[in-house]
Amino acid sequence: MLIKDELYGEYKLEHVLEELISSRPVQRLMGVHQGGAGYLVNEKWNVTRYEHSLGVMLLIRKLGGSVEEQIAGLLHDVSHTAFSHVVDGVLENEAEDYHEHIFERVVLESEIPAILKSHHLDYERILFEDSQWTLLEQPAPELCADRLDYTLRDMYRYGYISLGEAHRFLNHLIVVDGQIYISDLQAAEWFVKTYYKEVIDFFMKPLNIFANDSLAKALKRSLEKEIIHLGDLLGKDEEVLMKMWESGDQEVRRLLEKMEHNVRAEENKLDYDIHFKGKIRLIDPSVMINSKLIRASSLSDDVKNSGQKAYEKAKEGVYIKIQ
């Protein structure tokens, strides 16, 4: 199987990866939007969990990761529910990790174990012992393939960065002892700036927050009224939406209709309808300087100041007025 990605290039994949990509759990992710309800108010906010999952797999491959780590990367998001993190708002889950709690169950109830067994691979070791995959995941503020891909993919697709900028940055990534670092301070400064465009200018964009808040309320009422059940959220976005619309419930329909109008959402601390405080997301990658790994914030005031501003913004949250 030949696969081509705008960020990472073209690769010929092993048969096991091809089978996994064709599996129902991975194919479902084509219908799950990474930005939650954002696509309902802006059709350009349309990156899917499928694109991101393939991207994480290919970035791990580009950086020299094993086929097993590529499998872990491809499958790391198969348990994301419809509308991604919107469910965390529905369930009032501040850690935004509901998909992690159901990951093992989703995998075990799928054809994934059988596919991996047929290739003589230990699915439990690959998928349930994720601390071994140091390219795939790292705690903030360091880099990892997951964090890198969603930032670069979203920001390129939504017009914040160019493809050329993304490619130049990727050329400065290095791997030391199985972890991702940057070989150039300017590249680190660029990525930090780009990452905060993602988590502040996009994740905390008033219109985006309005859409996710409105949909969370509609989903919550639909669950309470048993129009949908939690298991339905393991379908695709449009399937869940259709079930809610077709219920005929007027309260739920009114909540959904709010997103169909040309709403204006803007920040206003004095007169607001929504106060949103999301997960605090910070980045401070290590840079290789003269064979030593040094935090970018120790080398750059821009990085240090950006991190401080992002922390204060996330801690305070966003006050939004809807018009």
C-alpha atoms as a PDB file:
ATOM      1  CA  MET A   1       0.000   0.000   0.000  1.00  0.00           C
ATOM      2  CA  LEU A   2       1.333   3.393  -1.039  1.00  0.00           C
ATOM      3  CA  ILE A   3       0.283   6.331   1.107  1.00  0.00           C
ATOM      4  CA  LYS A   4       1.015  10.010   0.561  1.00  0.00           C
ATOM      5  CA  ASP A   5       0.727  12.780   3.113  1.00  0.00           C
ATOM      6  CA  GLU A   6       1.136  16.500   2.454  1.00  0.00           C
ATOM      7  CA  LEU A   7       3.300  16.961   5.550  1.00  0.00           C
ATOM      8  CA  TYR A   8       5.502  13.854   5.530  1.00  0.00           C
ATOM      9  CA  GLY A   9       5.662  12.599   1.944  1.00  0.00           C
ATOM     10  CA  GLU A  10       5.076   9.208   0.330  1.00  0.00           C
ATOM     11  CA  TYR A  11       5.623   5.789   1.927  1.00  0.00           C
ATOM     12  CA  LYS A  12       5.019   2.127   1.029  1.00  0.00           C
ATOM     13  CA  LEU A  13       3.426   0.455   4.022  1.00  0.00           C
ATOM     14  CA  GLU A  14       3.651  -3.066   5.388  1.00  0.00           C
ATOM     15  CA  HIS A  15       0.620  -5.341   5.006  1.00  0.00           C
ATOM     16  CA  VAL A  16      -0.230  -5.201   8.712  1.00  0.00           C
ATOM     17  CA  LEU A  17      -0.518  -1.398   8.571  1.00  0.00           C
ATOM     18  CA  GLU A  18      -2.652  -1.662   5.439  1.00  0.00           C
ATOM     19  CA  GLU A  19      -5.033  -4.093   7.174  1.00  0.00           C
ATOM     20  CA  LEU A  20      -5.280  -1.903  10.250  1.00  0.00           C
ATOM     21  CA  ILE A  21      -6.008   1.203   8.173  1.00  0.00           C
ATOM     22  CA  SER A  22      -8.827  -0.714   6.449  1.00  0.00           C
ATOM     23  CA  SER A  23     -10.283  -1.912   9.775  1.00  0.00           C
ATOM     24  CA  ARG A  24     -13.648  -0.579  10.992  1.00  0.00           C
ATOM     25  CA  PRO A  25     -12.251   1.293  14.037  1.00  0.00           C
ATOM     26  CA  VAL A  26      -9.761   3.260  11.933  1.00  0.00           C
ATOM     27  CA  GLN A  27     -12.189   3.864   9.056  1.00  0.00           C
ATOM     28  CA  ARG A  28     -14.742   5.246  11.544  1.00  0.00           C
ATOM     29  CA  LEU A  29     -12.300   8.048  12.343  1.00  0.00           C
ATOM     30  CA  MET A  30     -12.938   9.501   8.865  1.00  0.00           C
ATOM     31  CA  GLY A  31     -16.266  10.641  10.307  1.00  0.00           C
ATOM     32  CA  VAL A  32     -14.891  12.061  13.564  1.00  0.00           C
ATOM     33  CA  HIS A  33     -13.748  15.686  13.416  1.00  0.00           C
ATOM     34  CA  GLN A  34     -10.676  16.529  15.431  1.00  0.00           C
ATOM     35  CA  GLY A  35     -11.912  20.010  16.289  1.00  0.00           C
ATOM     36  CA  GLY A  36     -15.200  18.763  17.746  1.00  0.00           C
ATOM     37  CA  ALA A  37     -18.189  20.858  16.698  1.00  0.00           C
ATOM     38  CA  GLY A  38     -16.051  23.520  15.032  1.00  0.00           C
ATOM     39  CA  TYR A  39     -16.837  22.248  11.523  1.00  0.00           C
ATOM     40  CA  LEU A  40     -20.535  22.975  12.141  1.00  0.00           C
ATOM     41  CA  VAL A  41     -19.838  26.715  12.302  1.00  0.00           C
ATOM     42  CA  ASN A  42     -16.828  26.869   9.957  1.00  0.00           C
ATOM     43  CA  GLU A  43     -16.566  24.287   7.171  1.00  0.00           C
ATOM     44  CA  LYS A  44     -12.785  24.832   6.968  1.00  0.00           C
ATOM     45  CA  TRP A  45     -12.264  23.402  10.481  1.00  0.00           C
ATOM     46  CA  ASN A  46     -12.551  19.911   9.043  1.00  0.00           C
ATOM     47  CA  VAL A  47      -9.454  17.882   9.996  1.00  0.00           C
ATOM     48  CA  THR A  48     -10.496  14.360  10.993  1.00  0.00           C
ATOM     49  CA  ARG A  49      -9.102  11.917  13.552  1.00  0.00           C
ATOM     50  CA  TYR A  50      -8.345   9.621  10.594  1.00  0.00           C
ATOM     51  CA  GLU A  51      -6.010  12.149   8.963  1.00  0.00           C
ATOM     52  CA  HIS A  52      -4.327  12.815  12.301  1.00  0.00           C
ATOM     53  CA  SER A  53      -3.917   9.107  13.097  1.00  0.00           C
ATOM     54  CA  LEU A  54      -2.286   8.373   9.736  1.00  0.00           C
ATOM     55  CA  GLY A  55      -0.145  11.473  10.212  1.00  0.00           C
ATOM     56  CA  VAL A  56       1.123  10.345  13.621  1.00  0.00           C
ATOM     57  CA  MET A  57       1.965   6.923  12.161  1.00  0.00           C
ATOM     58  CA  LEU A  58       3.868   8.479   9.239  1.00  0.00           C
ATOM     59  CA  LEU A  59       5.750  10.961  11.410  1.00  0.00           C
ATOM     60  CA  ILE A  60       6.922   8.093  13.634  1.00  0.00           C
ATOM     61  CA  ARG A  61       8.007   6.271  10.474  1.00  0.00           C
ATOM     62  CA  LYS A  62       9.805   9.363   9.153  1.00  0.00           C
ATOM     63  CA  LEU A  63      11.695   9.626  12.458  1.00  0.00           C
ATOM     64  CA  GLY A  64      12.833   5.996  12.325  1.00  0.00           C
ATOM     65  CA  GLY A  65      10.281   4.439  14.688  1.00  0.00           C
ATOM     66  CA  SER A  66       9.579   0.696  14.527  1.00  0.00           C
ATOM     67  CA  VAL A  67       6.538  -0.793  12.781  1.00  0.00           C
ATOM     68  CA  GLU A  68       5.183  -1.629  16.246  1.00  0.00           C
ATOM     69  CA  GLU A  69       5.403   2.012  17.332  1.00  0.00           C
ATOM     70  CA  GLN A  70       3.787   3.035  14.049  1.00  0.00           C
ATOM     71  CA  ILE A  71       0.910   0.648  14.866  1.00  0.00           C
ATOM     72  CA  ALA A  72       0.560   2.261  18.300  1.00  0.00           C
ATOM     73  CA  GLY A  73       0.550   5.680  16.634  1.00  0.00           C
ATOM     74  CA  LEU A  74      -2.054   4.690  14.050  1.00  0.00           C
ATOM     75  CA  LEU A  75      -4.377   3.279  16.704  1.00  0.00           C
ATOM     76  CA  HIS A  76      -3.848   5.736  19.555  1.00  0.00           C
ATOM     77  CA  ASP A  77      -7.113   7.599  18.821  1.00  0.00           C
ATOM     78  CA  VAL A  78      -9.474   4.737  17.845  1.00  0.00           C
ATOM     79  CA  SER A  79     -11.482   5.234  21.031  1.00  0.00           C
ATOM     80  CA  HIS A  80     -12.207   8.913  20.405  1.00  0.00           C
ATOM     81  CA  THR A  81     -15.942   9.421  20.473  1.00  0.00           C
ATOM     82  CA  ALA A  82     -17.941  11.400  17.950  1.00  0.00           C
ATOM     83  CA  PHE A  83     -16.978  15.088  18.077  1.00  0.00           C
ATOM     84  CA  SER A  84     -13.732  14.181  19.884  1.00  0.00           C
ATOM     85  CA  HIS A  85     -13.280  16.138  23.119  1.00  0.00           C
ATOM     86  CA  VAL A  86     -16.834  17.521  23.193  1.00  0.00           C
ATOM     87  CA  VAL A  87     -17.783  14.416  25.197  1.00  0.00           C
ATOM     88  CA  ASP A  88     -15.438  15.581  27.971  1.00  0.00           C
ATOM     89  CA  GLY A  89     -17.583  18.686  28.316  1.00  0.00           C
ATOM     90  CA  VAL A  90     -20.729  16.551  28.387  1.00  0.00           C
ATOM     91  CA  LEU A  91     -19.325  14.318  31.125  1.00  0.00           C
ATOM     92  CA  GLU A  92     -17.624  17.242  32.936  1.00  0.00           C
ATOM     93  CA  ASN A  93     -14.278  15.491  32.578  1.00  0.00           C
ATOM     94  CA  GLU A  94     -11.688  18.230  33.155  1.00  0.00           C
ATOM     95  CA  ALA A  95      -8.749  15.966  32.270  1.00  0.00           C
ATOM     96  CA  GLU A  96     -10.198  15.653  28.728  1.00  0.00           C
ATOM     97  CA  ASP A  97      -9.239  11.983  28.603  1.00  0.00           C
ATOM     98  CA  TYR A  98     -12.495  10.028  28.375  1.00  0.00           C
ATOM     99  CA  HIS A  99     -11.211   8.298  25.227  1.00  0.00           C
ATOM    100  CA  GLU A 100      -8.248   6.944  27.187  1.00  0.00           C
ATOM    101  CA  HIS A 101     -10.518   5.354  29.787  1.00  0.00           C
ATOM    102  CA  ILE A 102     -12.398   3.357  27.133  1.00  0.00           C
ATOM    103  CA  PHE A 103      -9.418   2.611  24.851  1.00  0.00           C
ATOM    104  CA  GLU A 104      -8.829  -0.969  25.990  1.00  0.00           C
ATOM    105  CA  ARG A 105     -12.503  -1.903  25.719  1.00  0.00           C
ATOM    106  CA  VAL A 106     -12.834  -0.402  22.235  1.00  0.00           C
ATOM    107  CA  VAL A 107      -9.769  -2.301  21.016  1.00  0.00           C
ATOM    108  CA  LEU A 108     -10.830  -5.630  22.547  1.00  0.00           C
ATOM    109  CA  GLU A 109     -14.323  -5.391  21.035  1.00  0.00           C
ATOM    110  CA  SER A 110     -12.894  -4.843  17.543  1.00  0.00           C
ATOM    111  CA  GLU A 111     -11.037  -6.889  14.903  1.00  0.00           C
ATOM    112  CA  ILE A 112      -7.734  -5.220  15.843  1.00  0.00           C
ATOM    113  CA  PRO A 113      -6.445  -8.023  18.139  1.00  0.00           C
ATOM    114  CA  ALA A 114      -7.166 -10.627  15.446  1.00  0.00           C
ATOM    115  CA  ILE A 115      -5.349  -8.603  12.778  1.00  0.00           C
ATOM    116  CA  LEU A 116      -2.266  -8.211  14.960  1.00  0.00           C
ATOM    117  CA  LYS A 117      -2.329 -11.888  16.004  1.00  0.00           C
ATOM    118  CA  SER A 118      -2.464 -12.933  12.348  1.00  0.00           C
ATOM    119  CA  HIS A 119       0.854 -11.115  11.883  1.00  0.00           C
ATOM    120  CA  HIS A 120       2.316 -12.745  15.015  1.00  0.00           C
ATOM    121  CA  LEU A 121       2.234  -9.464  16.947  1.00  0.00           C
ATOM    122  CA  ASP A 122       1.350  -9.114  20.635  1.00  0.00           C
ATOM    123  CA  TYR A 123      -1.525  -6.616  20.680  1.00  0.00           C
ATOM    124  CA  GLU A 124      -1.505  -6.260  24.472  1.00  0.00           C
ATOM    125  CA  ARG A 125       2.165  -5.305  24.577  1.00  0.00           C
ATOM    126  CA  ILE A 126       1.885  -2.923  21.620  1.00  0.00           C
ATOM    127  CA  LEU A 127      -1.348  -1.177  22.601  1.00  0.00           C
ATOM    128  CA  PHE A 128      -1.693  -1.446  26.370  1.00  0.00           C
ATOM    129  CA  GLU A 129       1.904  -0.726  27.420  1.00  0.00           C
ATOM    130  CA  ASP A 130       2.183   2.676  25.793  1.00  0.00           C
ATOM    131  CA  SER A 131       4.935   4.125  28.006  1.00  0.00           C
ATOM    132  CA  GLN A 132       7.464   2.295  25.813  1.00  0.00           C
ATOM    133  CA  TRP A 133       6.570   4.392  22.760  1.00  0.00           C
ATOM    134  CA  THR A 134       8.602   7.509  23.415  1.00  0.00           C
ATOM    135  CA  LEU A 135       8.231   8.984  19.927  1.00  0.00           C
ATOM    136  CA  LEU A 136       4.446   8.711  20.082  1.00  0.00           C
ATOM    137  CA  GLU A 137       3.794  10.278  23.491  1.00  0.00           C
ATOM    138  CA  GLN A 138       5.706  12.483  25.919  1.00  0.00           C
ATOM    139  CA  PRO A 139       4.407  14.560  28.791  1.00  0.00           C
ATOM    140  CA  ALA A 140       4.335  18.290  28.126  1.00  0.00           C
ATOM    141  CA  PRO A 141       6.303  20.456  27.692  1.00  0.00           C
ATOM    142  CA  GLU A 142       8.388  18.166  25.437  1.00  0.00           C
ATOM    143  CA  LEU A 143       7.621  17.161  21.859  1.00  0.00           C
ATOM    144  CA  CYS A 144       5.978  13.957  20.668  1.00  0.00           C
ATOM    145  CA  ALA A 145       4.526  12.755  17.366  1.00  0.00           C
ATOM    146  CA  ASP A 146       0.946  13.216  18.583  1.00  0.00           C
ATOM    147  CA  ARG A 147       1.477  16.838  19.669  1.00  0.00           C
ATOM    148  CA  LEU A 148       3.539  17.662  16.586  1.00  0.00           C
ATOM    149  CA  ASP A 149       1.067  16.257  14.076  1.00  0.00           C
ATOM    150  CA  TYR A 150      -2.105  17.852  15.376  1.00  0.00           C
ATOM    151  CA  THR A 151      -0.365  21.232  15.618  1.00  0.00           C
ATOM    152  CA  LEU A 152       1.203  21.188  12.152  1.00  0.00           C
ATOM    153  CA  ARG A 153      -1.826  19.592  10.463  1.00  0.00           C
ATOM    154  CA  ASP A 154      -4.401  21.940  11.967  1.00  0.00           C
ATOM    155  CA  MET A 155      -2.350  25.074  11.520  1.00  0.00           C
ATOM    156  CA  TYR A 156      -1.500  24.255   7.908  1.00  0.00           C
ATOM    157  CA  ARG A 157      -5.063  23.264   7.003  1.00  0.00           C
ATOM    158  CA  TYR A 158      -6.563  26.335   8.651  1.00  0.00           C
ATOM    159  CA  GLY A 159      -4.147  28.719   6.957  1.00  0.00           C
ATOM    160  CA  TYR A 160      -1.968  29.788   9.894  1.00  0.00           C
ATOM    161  CA  ILE A 161       1.268  28.334   8.441  1.00  0.00           C
ATOM    162  CA  SER A 162       2.474  27.359   4.971  1.00  0.00           C
ATOM    163  CA  LEU A 163       3.463  23.886   3.819  1.00  0.00           C
ATOM    164  CA  GLY A 164       6.981  25.187   3.219  1.00  0.00           C
ATOM    165  CA  GLU A 165       7.264  26.375   6.810  1.00  0.00           C
ATOM    166  CA  ALA A 166       6.095  22.995   8.093  1.00  0.00           C
ATOM    167  CA  HIS A 167       8.614  21.130   5.923  1.00  0.00           C
ATOM    168  CA  ARG A 168      11.493  23.392   7.000  1.00  0.00           C
ATOM    169  CA  PHE A 169      10.616  22.792  10.629  1.00  0.00           C
ATOM    170  CA  LEU A 170      10.423  19.008  10.170  1.00  0.00           C
ATOM    171  CA  ASN A 171      13.979  19.072   8.809  1.00  0.00           C
ATOM    172  CA  HIS A 172      15.151  20.320  12.218  1.00  0.00           C
ATOM    173  CA  LEU A 173      13.677  17.427  14.211  1.00  0.00           C
ATOM    174  CA  ILE A 174      16.180  14.965  15.677  1.00  0.00           C
ATOM    175  CA  VAL A 175      15.800  11.817  17.758  1.00  0.00           C
ATOM    176  CA  VAL A 176      18.015  11.251  20.796  1.00  0.00           C
ATOM    177  CA  ASP A 177      17.518   8.125  22.917  1.00  0.00           C
ATOM    178  CA  GLY A 178      14.090   7.591  21.396  1.00  0.00           C
ATOM    179  CA  GLN A 179      12.807  11.115  22.051  1.00  0.00           C
ATOM    180  CA  ILE A 180      12.136  14.017  19.698  1.00  0.00           C
ATOM    181  CA  TYR A 181      14.123  17.228  19.998  1.00  0.00           C
ATOM    182  CA  ILE A 182      14.979  20.213  17.800  1.00  0.00           C
ATOM    183  CA  SER A 183      18.375  20.981  16.301  1.00  0.00           C
ATOM    184  CA  ASP A 184      17.904  24.724  15.847  1.00  0.00           C
ATOM    185  CA  LEU A 185      16.723  27.457  18.230  1.00  0.00           C
ATOM    186  CA  GLN A 186      14.902  29.441  15.538  1.00  0.00           C
ATOM    187  CA  ALA A 187      12.965  26.308  14.576  1.00  0.00           C
ATOM    188  CA  ALA A 188      12.050  25.814  18.249  1.00  0.00           C
ATOM    189  CA  GLU A 189      10.846  29.431  18.512  1.00  0.00           C
ATOM    190  CA  TRP A 190       8.779  28.952  15.356  1.00  0.00           C
ATOM    191  CA  PHE A 191       7.126  25.800  16.662  1.00  0.00           C
ATOM    192  CA  VAL A 192       6.353  27.308  20.064  1.00  0.00           C
ATOM    193  CA  LYS A 193       4.698  30.266  18.306  1.00  0.00           C
ATOM    194  CA  THR A 194       2.761  27.860  16.052  1.00  0.00           C
ATOM    195  CA  TYR A 195       1.701  25.643  18.962  1.00  0.00           C
ATOM    196  CA  TYR A 196       0.224  28.602  20.828  1.00  0.00           C
ATOM    197  CA  LYS A 197      -1.656  29.600  17.684  1.00  0.00           C
ATOM    198  CA  GLU A 198      -3.246  26.161  17.945  1.00  0.00           C
ATOM    199  CA  VAL A 199      -4.088  26.148  21.646  1.00  0.00           C
ATOM    200  CA  ILE A 200      -5.023  29.841  21.969  1.00  0.00           C
ATOM    201  CA  ASP A 201      -5.990  31.198  18.542  1.00  0.00           C
ATOM    202  CA  PHE A 202      -7.850  28.015  17.546  1.00  0.00           C
ATOM    203  CA  PHE A 203      -8.804  25.922  20.602  1.00  0.00           C
ATOM    204  CA  MET A 204      -9.813  29.076  22.507  1.00  0.00           C
ATOM    205  CA  LYS A 205     -11.324  30.925  19.558  1.00  0.00           C
ATOM    206  CA  PRO A 206     -14.727  32.253  20.704  1.00  0.00           C
ATOM    207  CA  LEU A 207     -16.695  30.806  17.779  1.00  0.00           C
ATOM    208  CA  ASN A 208     -15.083  27.389  18.280  1.00  0.00           C
ATOM    209  CA  ILE A 209     -15.870  27.438  22.003  1.00  0.00           C
ATOM    210  CA  PHE A 210     -19.463  28.488  21.278  1.00  0.00           C
ATOM    211  CA  ALA A 211     -19.932  25.533  18.897  1.00  0.00           C
ATOM    212  CA  ASN A 212     -18.496  22.997  21.330  1.00  0.00           C
ATOM    213  CA  ASP A 213     -20.485  24.428  24.243  1.00  0.00           C
ATOM    214  CA  SER A 214     -23.739  24.384  22.270  1.00  0.00           C
ATOM    215  CA  LEU A 215     -23.223  20.833  21.058  1.00  0.00           C
ATOM    216  CA  ALA A 216     -22.217  19.630  24.535  1.00  0.00           C
ATOM    217  CA  LYS A 217     -25.516  20.966  25.900  1.00  0.00           C
ATOM    218  CA  ALA A 218     -27.461  19.263  23.106  1.00  0.00           C
ATOM    219  CA  LEU A 219     -25.645  15.962  23.672  1.00  0.00           C
ATOM    220  CA  LYS A 220     -26.171  16.142  27.424  1.00  0.00           C
ATOM    221  CA  ARG A 221     -29.924  16.672  27.066  1.00  0.00           C
ATOM    222  CA  SER A 222     -30.096  13.917  24.445  1.00  0.00           C
ATOM    223  CA  LEU A 223     -28.414  11.489  26.823  1.00  0.00           C
ATOM    224  CA  GLU A 224     -30.659  12.523  29.712  1.00  0.00           C
ATOM    225  CA  LYS A 225     -33.756  12.026  27.555  1.00  0.00           C
ATOM    226  CA  GLU A 226     -32.377   8.744  26.171  1.00  0.00           C
ATOM    227  CA  ILE A 227     -32.561  10.034  22.621  1.00  0.00           C
ATOM    228  CA  ILE A 228     -29.010   8.734  22.326  1.00  0.00           C
ATOM    229  CA  HIS A 229     -26.912   6.510  24.578  1.00  0.00           C
ATOM    230  CA  LEU A 230     -23.229   6.767  25.448  1.00  0.00           C
ATOM    231  CA  GLY A 231     -22.494   3.854  23.125  1.00  0.00           C
ATOM    232  CA  ASP A 232     -23.886   5.839  20.172  1.00  0.00           C
ATOM    233  CA  LEU A 233     -20.959   8.212  20.552  1.00  0.00           C
ATOM    234  CA  LEU A 234     -18.700   5.448  19.252  1.00  0.00           C
ATOM    235  CA  GLY A 235     -20.240   6.142  15.865  1.00  0.00           C
ATOM    236  CA  LYS A 236     -19.531   9.021  13.492  1.00  0.00           C
ATOM    237  CA  ASP A 237     -20.353  12.694  14.028  1.00  0.00           C
ATOM    238  CA  GLU A 238     -23.074  12.836  11.389  1.00  0.00           C
ATOM    239  CA  GLU A 239     -24.718   9.614  12.622  1.00  0.00           C
ATOM    240  CA  VAL A 240     -25.105  11.056  16.114  1.00  0.00           C
ATOM    241  CA  LEU A 241     -26.348  14.397  14.768  1.00  0.00           C
ATOM    242  CA  MET A 242     -28.917  12.655  12.567  1.00  0.00           C
ATOM    243  CA  LYS A 243     -30.264  10.662  15.502  1.00  0.00           C
ATOM    244  CA  MET A 244     -30.667  13.862  17.522  1.00  0.00           C
ATOM    245  CA  TRP A 245     -32.396  15.742  14.687  1.00  0.00           C
ATOM    246  CA  GLU A 246     -34.714  12.849  13.840  1.00  0.00           C
ATOM    247  CA  SER A 247     -35.834  12.500  17.456  1.00  0.00           C
ATOM    248  CA  GLY A 248     -38.157  15.449  16.945  1.00  0.00           C
ATOM    249  CA  ASP A 249     -37.375  16.679  20.461  1.00  0.00           C
ATOM    250  CA  GLN A 250     -37.918  20.441  20.332  1.00  0.00           C
ATOM    251  CA  GLU A 251     -35.488  21.332  23.102  1.00  0.00           C
ATOM    252  CA  VAL A 252     -32.662  19.388  21.469  1.00  0.00           C
ATOM    253  CA  ARG A 253     -33.484  20.794  18.036  1.00  0.00           C
ATOM    254  CA  ARG A 254     -33.390  24.361  19.407  1.00  0.00           C
ATOM    255  CA  LEU A 255     -29.935  23.728  20.875  1.00  0.00           C
ATOM    256  CA  LEU A 256     -28.692  22.369  17.538  1.00  0.00           C
ATOM    257  CA  GLU A 257     -30.285  25.189  15.550  1.00  0.00           C
ATOM    258  CA  LYS A 258     -28.234  27.737  17.495  1.00  0.00           C
ATOM    259  CA  MET A 259     -25.207  26.606  15.468  1.00  0.00           C
ATOM    260  CA  GLU A 260     -26.968  27.081  12.128  1.00  0.00           C
ATOM    261  CA  HIS A 261     -27.230  30.857  12.413  1.00  0.00           C
ATOM    262  CA  ASN A 262     -24.463  33.327  11.617  1.00  0.00           C
ATOM    263  CA  VAL A 263     -23.518  33.774  15.248  1.00  0.00           C
ATOM    264  CA  ARG A 264     -20.985  36.369  16.313  1.00  0.00           C
ATOM    265  CA  ALA A 265     -18.926  35.269  19.297  1.00  0.00           C
ATOM    266  CA  GLU A 266     -16.401  37.624  20.850  1.00  0.00           C
ATOM    267  CA  GLU A 267     -14.442  37.987  24.064  1.00  0.00           C
ATOM    268  CA  ASN A 268     -16.080  40.185  26.698  1.00  0.00           C
ATOM    269  CA  LYS A 269     -15.128  39.869  30.373  1.00  0.00           C
ATOM    270  CA  LEU A 270     -17.781  42.312  31.563  1.00  0.00           C
ATOM    271  CA  ASP A 271     -20.815  40.906  29.768  1.00  0.00           C
ATOM    272  CA  TYR A 272     -20.515  37.237  28.819  1.00  0.00           C
ATOM    273  CA  ASP A 273     -22.631  34.157  28.126  1.00  0.00           C
ATOM    274  CA  ILE A 274     -19.886  31.496  28.312  1.00  0.00           C
ATOM    275  CA  HIS A 275     -16.799  31.196  30.496  1.00  0.00           C
ATOM    276  CA  PHE A 276     -14.532  28.456  29.153  1.00  0.00           C
ATOM    277  CA  LYS A 277     -11.502  27.043  30.940  1.00  0.00           C
ATOM    278  CA  GLY A 278      -9.864  24.168  29.117  1.00  0.00           C
ATOM    279  CA  LYS A 279      -6.902  21.981  29.855  1.00  0.00           C
ATOM    280  CA  ILE A 280      -3.684  23.968  30.294  1.00  0.00           C
ATOM    281  CA  ARG A 281      -1.427  23.113  27.353  1.00  0.00           C
ATOM    282  CA  LEU A 282       2.165  24.365  27.415  1.00  0.00           C
ATOM    283  CA  ILE A 283       5.212  23.602  25.270  1.00  0.00           C
ATOM    284  CA  ASP A 284       8.907  24.175  25.940  1.00  0.00           C
ATOM    285  CA  PRO A 285      10.922  21.800  23.744  1.00  0.00           C
ATOM    286  CA  SER A 286      14.560  20.967  24.353  1.00  0.00           C
ATOM    287  CA  VAL A 287      17.056  22.111  21.735  1.00  0.00           C
ATOM    288  CA  MET A 288      20.371  20.435  20.925  1.00  0.00           C
ATOM    289  CA  ILE A 289      23.099  23.089  21.317  1.00  0.00           C
ATOM    290  CA  ASN A 290      26.739  21.964  21.189  1.00  0.00           C
ATOM    291  CA  SER A 291      25.730  18.362  21.959  1.00  0.00           C
ATOM    292  CA  LYS A 292      23.670  19.456  24.983  1.00  0.00           C
ATOM    293  CA  LEU A 293      19.909  19.451  25.345  1.00  0.00           C
ATOM    294  CA  ILE A 294      18.667  22.787  26.691  1.00  0.00           C
ATOM    295  CA  ARG A 295      15.107  23.978  27.235  1.00  0.00           C
ATOM    296  CA  ALA A 296      14.116  26.560  24.630  1.00  0.00           C
ATOM    297  CA  SER A 297      12.849  28.906  27.368  1.00  0.00           C
ATOM    298  CA  SER A 298      16.398  29.049  28.782  1.00  0.00           C
ATOM    299  CA  LEU A 299      17.676  30.211  25.406  1.00  0.00           C
ATOM    300  CA  SER A 300      14.880  32.453  24.195  1.00  0.00           C
ATOM    301  CA  ASP A 301      12.895  35.207  25.910  1.00  0.00           C
ATOM    302  CA  ASP A 302      10.251  34.798  23.192  1.00  0.00           C
ATOM    303  CA  VAL A 303       9.634  31.201  24.223  1.00  0.00           C
ATOM    304  CA  LYS A 304       9.671  32.052  27.917  1.00  0.00           C
ATOM    305  CA  ASN A 305       7.241  34.962  27.510  1.00  0.00           C
ATOM    306  CA  SER A 306       4.947  33.008  25.183  1.00  0.00           C
ATOM    307  CA  GLY A 307       4.676  30.212  27.712  1.00  0.00           C
ATOM    308  CA  GLN A 308       3.869  32.621  30.522  1.00  0.00           C
ATOM    309  CA  LYS A 309       1.168  34.376  28.475  1.00  0.00           C
ATOM    310  CA  ALA A 310      -0.340  31.058  27.421  1.00  0.00           C
ATOM    311  CA  TYR A 311      -0.419  29.845  31.026  1.00  0.00           C
ATOM    312  CA  GLU A 312      -2.152  33.015  32.213  1.00  0.00           C
ATOM    313  CA  LYS A 313      -4.665  32.876  29.358  1.00  0.00           C
ATOM    314  CA  ALA A 314      -5.508  29.227  30.026  1.00  0.00           C
ATOM    315  CA  LYS A 315      -5.765  29.750  33.776  1.00  0.00           C
ATOM    316  CA  GLU A 316      -8.112  32.712  33.404  1.00  0.00           C
ATOM    317  CA  GLY A 317     -10.127  31.139  30.607  1.00  0.00           C
ATOM    318  CA  VAL A 318     -12.142  32.920  27.948  1.00  0.00           C
ATOM    319  CA  TYR A 319     -15.253  35.036  28.556  1.00  0.00           C
ATOM    320  CA  ILE A 320     -17.496  34.990  25.497  1.00  0.00           C
ATOM    321  CA  LYS A 321     -20.475  37.066  24.473  1.00  0.00           C
ATOM    322  CA  ILE A 322     -22.801  35.598  21.830  1.00  0.00           C
ATOM    323  CA  GLN A 323     -24.582  37.937  19.424  1.00  0.00           C
END
